[in-house]
């Protein structure tokens, strides 16, 4: 399960989501501004609320829009 932790009006969050869509990767968006649960989950995962965060099975994660790291984590 791929999740993207994001906030509203974040250009880097939008780039991550568009990139995953372009690669055919389904993901669940977890908006930190709209969900206390999403914000708490992001802090548990990364220790911070910086976004975007892409995670697979709430284990490995990539902070920011780093194509190479995202591809490596997803095995692309």
N, C-alpha and C. Protein backbone atom coordinates (compact mmCIF):
# COMPACT_ATOMS: atom_id res chain seq x y z
N UNK A 1 0.83 -1.18 0.00
CA UNK A 1 0.00 0.00 0.00
C UNK A 1 0.88 1.24 0.00
N UNK A 2 0.73 2.06 -1.02
CA UNK A 2 1.48 3.31 -1.15
C UNK A 2 0.62 4.44 -0.60
N UNK A 3 1.22 5.27 0.23
CA UNK A 3 0.53 6.44 0.77
C UNK A 3 1.36 7.68 0.48
N UNK A 4 0.65 8.78 0.25
CA UNK A 4 1.30 10.08 0.08
C UNK A 4 0.76 11.00 1.16
N UNK A 5 1.63 11.42 2.05
CA UNK A 5 1.26 12.41 3.06
C UNK A 5 1.49 13.78 2.43
N UNK A 6 0.45 14.62 2.49
CA UNK A 6 0.52 15.90 1.80
C UNK A 6 -0.27 16.96 2.56
N UNK A 7 -0.22 18.19 2.04
CA UNK A 7 -1.04 19.29 2.52
C UNK A 7 -1.66 19.97 1.30
N UNK A 8 -2.63 20.83 1.55
CA UNK A 8 -3.27 21.59 0.47
C UNK A 8 -2.28 22.61 -0.11
N UNK A 9 -2.44 22.89 -1.39
CA UNK A 9 -1.66 23.93 -2.06
C UNK A 9 -0.16 23.75 -1.95
N UNK A 10 0.30 22.51 -2.02
CA UNK A 10 1.73 22.20 -1.96
C UNK A 10 2.18 21.75 -3.35
N UNK A 11 2.98 22.56 -4.04
CA UNK A 11 3.39 22.18 -5.40
C UNK A 11 4.20 20.89 -5.44
N UNK A 12 5.02 20.61 -4.42
CA UNK A 12 5.82 19.38 -4.41
C UNK A 12 4.94 18.17 -4.17
N UNK A 13 3.91 18.34 -3.35
CA UNK A 13 2.95 17.25 -3.13
C UNK A 13 2.25 16.92 -4.45
N UNK A 14 1.84 17.97 -5.18
CA UNK A 14 1.18 17.75 -6.46
C UNK A 14 2.10 17.04 -7.45
N UNK A 15 3.38 17.41 -7.45
CA UNK A 15 4.34 16.76 -8.35
C UNK A 15 4.48 15.28 -8.03
N UNK A 16 4.55 14.94 -6.74
CA UNK A 16 4.66 13.54 -6.34
C UNK A 16 3.44 12.76 -6.80
N UNK A 17 2.25 13.30 -6.58
CA UNK A 17 1.02 12.60 -6.95
C UNK A 17 0.92 12.43 -8.47
N UNK A 18 1.28 13.47 -9.22
CA UNK A 18 1.26 13.37 -10.69
C UNK A 18 2.29 12.35 -11.16
N UNK A 19 3.44 12.32 -10.54
CA UNK A 19 4.48 11.36 -10.92
C UNK A 19 4.02 9.93 -10.68
N UNK A 20 3.43 9.66 -9.52
CA UNK A 20 2.93 8.31 -9.23
C UNK A 20 1.85 7.92 -10.22
N UNK A 21 0.95 8.83 -10.54
CA UNK A 21 -0.10 8.55 -11.52
C UNK A 21 0.52 8.23 -12.88
N UNK A 22 1.55 8.97 -13.26
CA UNK A 22 2.19 8.74 -14.57
C UNK A 22 2.85 7.37 -14.65
N UNK A 23 3.24 6.83 -13.50
CA UNK A 23 3.86 5.51 -13.44
C UNK A 23 2.83 4.40 -13.20
N UNK A 24 1.55 4.78 -13.09
CA UNK A 24 0.50 3.79 -12.87
C UNK A 24 0.47 3.23 -11.45
N UNK A 25 0.99 3.99 -10.50
CA UNK A 25 1.04 3.56 -9.11
C UNK A 25 -0.19 4.09 -8.36
N UNK A 26 -1.00 3.18 -7.85
CA UNK A 26 -2.15 3.58 -7.03
C UNK A 26 -1.64 3.98 -5.65
N UNK A 27 -2.26 5.00 -5.09
CA UNK A 27 -1.84 5.46 -3.76
C UNK A 27 -3.03 6.01 -3.01
N UNK A 28 -2.86 6.07 -1.70
CA UNK A 28 -3.85 6.70 -0.83
C UNK A 28 -3.26 8.04 -0.40
N UNK A 29 -4.04 9.10 -0.55
CA UNK A 29 -3.58 10.42 -0.11
C UNK A 29 -3.99 10.63 1.34
N UNK A 30 -3.05 11.07 2.15
CA UNK A 30 -3.29 11.35 3.56
C UNK A 30 -2.96 12.83 3.78
N UNK A 31 -4.00 13.66 3.87
CA UNK A 31 -3.82 15.10 3.96
C UNK A 31 -3.68 15.52 5.42
N UNK A 32 -2.54 16.09 5.76
CA UNK A 32 -2.25 16.48 7.14
C UNK A 32 -3.11 17.63 7.62
N UNK A 33 -3.59 18.45 6.71
CA UNK A 33 -4.44 19.58 7.08
C UNK A 33 -5.89 19.16 7.33
N UNK A 34 -6.27 18.04 6.77
CA UNK A 34 -7.66 17.61 6.86
C UNK A 34 -7.88 16.45 7.81
N UNK A 35 -6.80 15.87 8.34
CA UNK A 35 -6.96 14.69 9.19
C UNK A 35 -5.92 14.68 10.30
N UNK A 36 -6.40 14.72 11.54
CA UNK A 36 -5.50 14.60 12.69
C UNK A 36 -4.81 13.24 12.66
N UNK A 37 -5.54 12.22 12.24
CA UNK A 37 -4.97 10.86 12.16
C UNK A 37 -3.81 10.81 11.17
N UNK A 38 -3.97 11.47 10.02
CA UNK A 38 -2.90 11.49 9.01
C UNK A 38 -1.68 12.22 9.55
N UNK A 39 -1.92 13.35 10.22
CA UNK A 39 -0.80 14.13 10.78
C UNK A 39 -0.05 13.30 11.82
N UNK A 40 -0.78 12.62 12.70
CA UNK A 40 -0.15 11.79 13.73
C UNK A 40 0.61 10.62 13.12
N UNK A 41 0.05 10.02 12.07
CA UNK A 41 0.72 8.90 11.40
C UNK A 41 2.02 9.36 10.74
N UNK A 42 1.99 10.55 10.15
CA UNK A 42 3.19 11.09 9.50
C UNK A 42 4.28 11.35 10.54
N UNK A 43 3.91 11.90 11.69
CA UNK A 43 4.89 12.16 12.74
C UNK A 43 5.45 10.85 13.29
N UNK A 44 4.61 9.84 13.45
CA UNK A 44 5.10 8.53 13.92
C UNK A 44 6.09 7.95 12.92
N UNK A 45 5.81 8.12 11.64
CA UNK A 45 6.66 7.55 10.59
C UNK A 45 7.98 8.29 10.45
N UNK A 46 7.91 9.63 10.39
CA UNK A 46 9.10 10.42 10.04
C UNK A 46 9.65 11.26 11.18
N UNK A 47 8.86 11.45 12.25
CA UNK A 47 9.28 12.31 13.33
C UNK A 47 9.01 13.78 13.06
N UNK A 48 8.28 14.08 11.98
CA UNK A 48 8.06 15.46 11.57
C UNK A 48 6.75 15.56 10.78
N UNK A 49 6.38 16.79 10.41
CA UNK A 49 5.21 16.98 9.56
C UNK A 49 5.61 17.55 8.20
N UNK A 50 6.87 17.44 7.84
CA UNK A 50 7.32 17.90 6.53
C UNK A 50 6.71 17.00 5.46
N UNK A 51 6.30 17.61 4.35
CA UNK A 51 5.69 16.87 3.24
C UNK A 51 6.31 17.32 1.93
N UNK A 52 6.14 16.56 0.87
CA UNK A 52 5.43 15.29 0.77
C UNK A 52 6.26 14.13 1.31
N UNK A 53 5.55 13.12 1.77
CA UNK A 53 6.16 11.87 2.19
C UNK A 53 5.48 10.75 1.42
N UNK A 54 6.27 9.92 0.77
CA UNK A 54 5.76 8.73 0.09
C UNK A 54 6.22 7.53 0.89
N UNK A 55 5.28 6.64 1.21
CA UNK A 55 5.63 5.46 1.99
C UNK A 55 5.00 4.22 1.40
N UNK A 56 5.65 3.09 1.61
CA UNK A 56 5.12 1.79 1.20
C UNK A 56 4.92 0.97 2.47
N UNK A 57 3.69 0.56 2.69
CA UNK A 57 3.33 -0.24 3.87
C UNK A 57 3.76 0.40 5.18
N UNK A 58 3.74 1.73 5.23
CA UNK A 58 4.10 2.48 6.43
C UNK A 58 5.45 2.07 7.01
N UNK A 59 6.38 1.66 6.13
CA UNK A 59 7.70 1.24 6.59
C UNK A 59 8.75 2.19 5.99
N UNK A 60 9.25 1.87 4.80
CA UNK A 60 10.20 2.76 4.13
C UNK A 60 9.46 4.00 3.65
N UNK A 61 10.17 5.11 3.63
CA UNK A 61 9.55 6.33 3.12
C UNK A 61 10.58 7.22 2.45
N UNK A 62 10.06 8.12 1.60
CA UNK A 62 10.88 9.12 0.94
C UNK A 62 10.27 10.47 1.27
N UNK A 63 11.09 11.38 1.76
CA UNK A 63 10.65 12.74 2.05
C UNK A 63 11.01 13.62 0.87
N UNK A 64 10.03 14.36 0.37
CA UNK A 64 10.26 15.25 -0.76
C UNK A 64 10.02 14.54 -2.08
N UNK A 65 10.24 15.27 -3.16
CA UNK A 65 10.04 14.73 -4.50
C UNK A 65 11.40 14.33 -5.07
N UNK A 66 11.81 13.12 -4.74
CA UNK A 66 13.09 12.58 -5.19
C UNK A 66 12.78 11.35 -6.05
N UNK A 67 12.74 11.56 -7.37
CA UNK A 67 12.34 10.49 -8.30
C UNK A 67 13.17 9.22 -8.12
N UNK A 68 14.47 9.38 -8.00
CA UNK A 68 15.35 8.20 -7.89
C UNK A 68 15.03 7.39 -6.65
N UNK A 69 14.84 8.06 -5.52
CA UNK A 69 14.52 7.34 -4.28
C UNK A 69 13.13 6.73 -4.33
N UNK A 70 12.18 7.46 -4.91
CA UNK A 70 10.81 6.91 -5.04
C UNK A 70 10.84 5.67 -5.93
N UNK A 71 11.53 5.76 -7.07
CA UNK A 71 11.63 4.61 -7.98
C UNK A 71 12.28 3.43 -7.30
N UNK A 72 13.35 3.67 -6.55
CA UNK A 72 14.05 2.58 -5.87
C UNK A 72 13.14 1.94 -4.82
N UNK A 73 12.43 2.74 -4.07
CA UNK A 73 11.57 2.20 -3.03
C UNK A 73 10.42 1.37 -3.63
N UNK A 74 9.93 1.84 -4.79
CA UNK A 74 8.82 1.13 -5.43
C UNK A 74 9.28 0.04 -6.40
N UNK A 75 10.58 -0.09 -6.59
CA UNK A 75 11.11 -1.12 -7.49
C UNK A 75 10.82 -0.82 -8.95
N UNK A 76 10.84 0.45 -9.32
CA UNK A 76 10.57 0.84 -10.71
C UNK A 76 11.84 0.91 -11.53
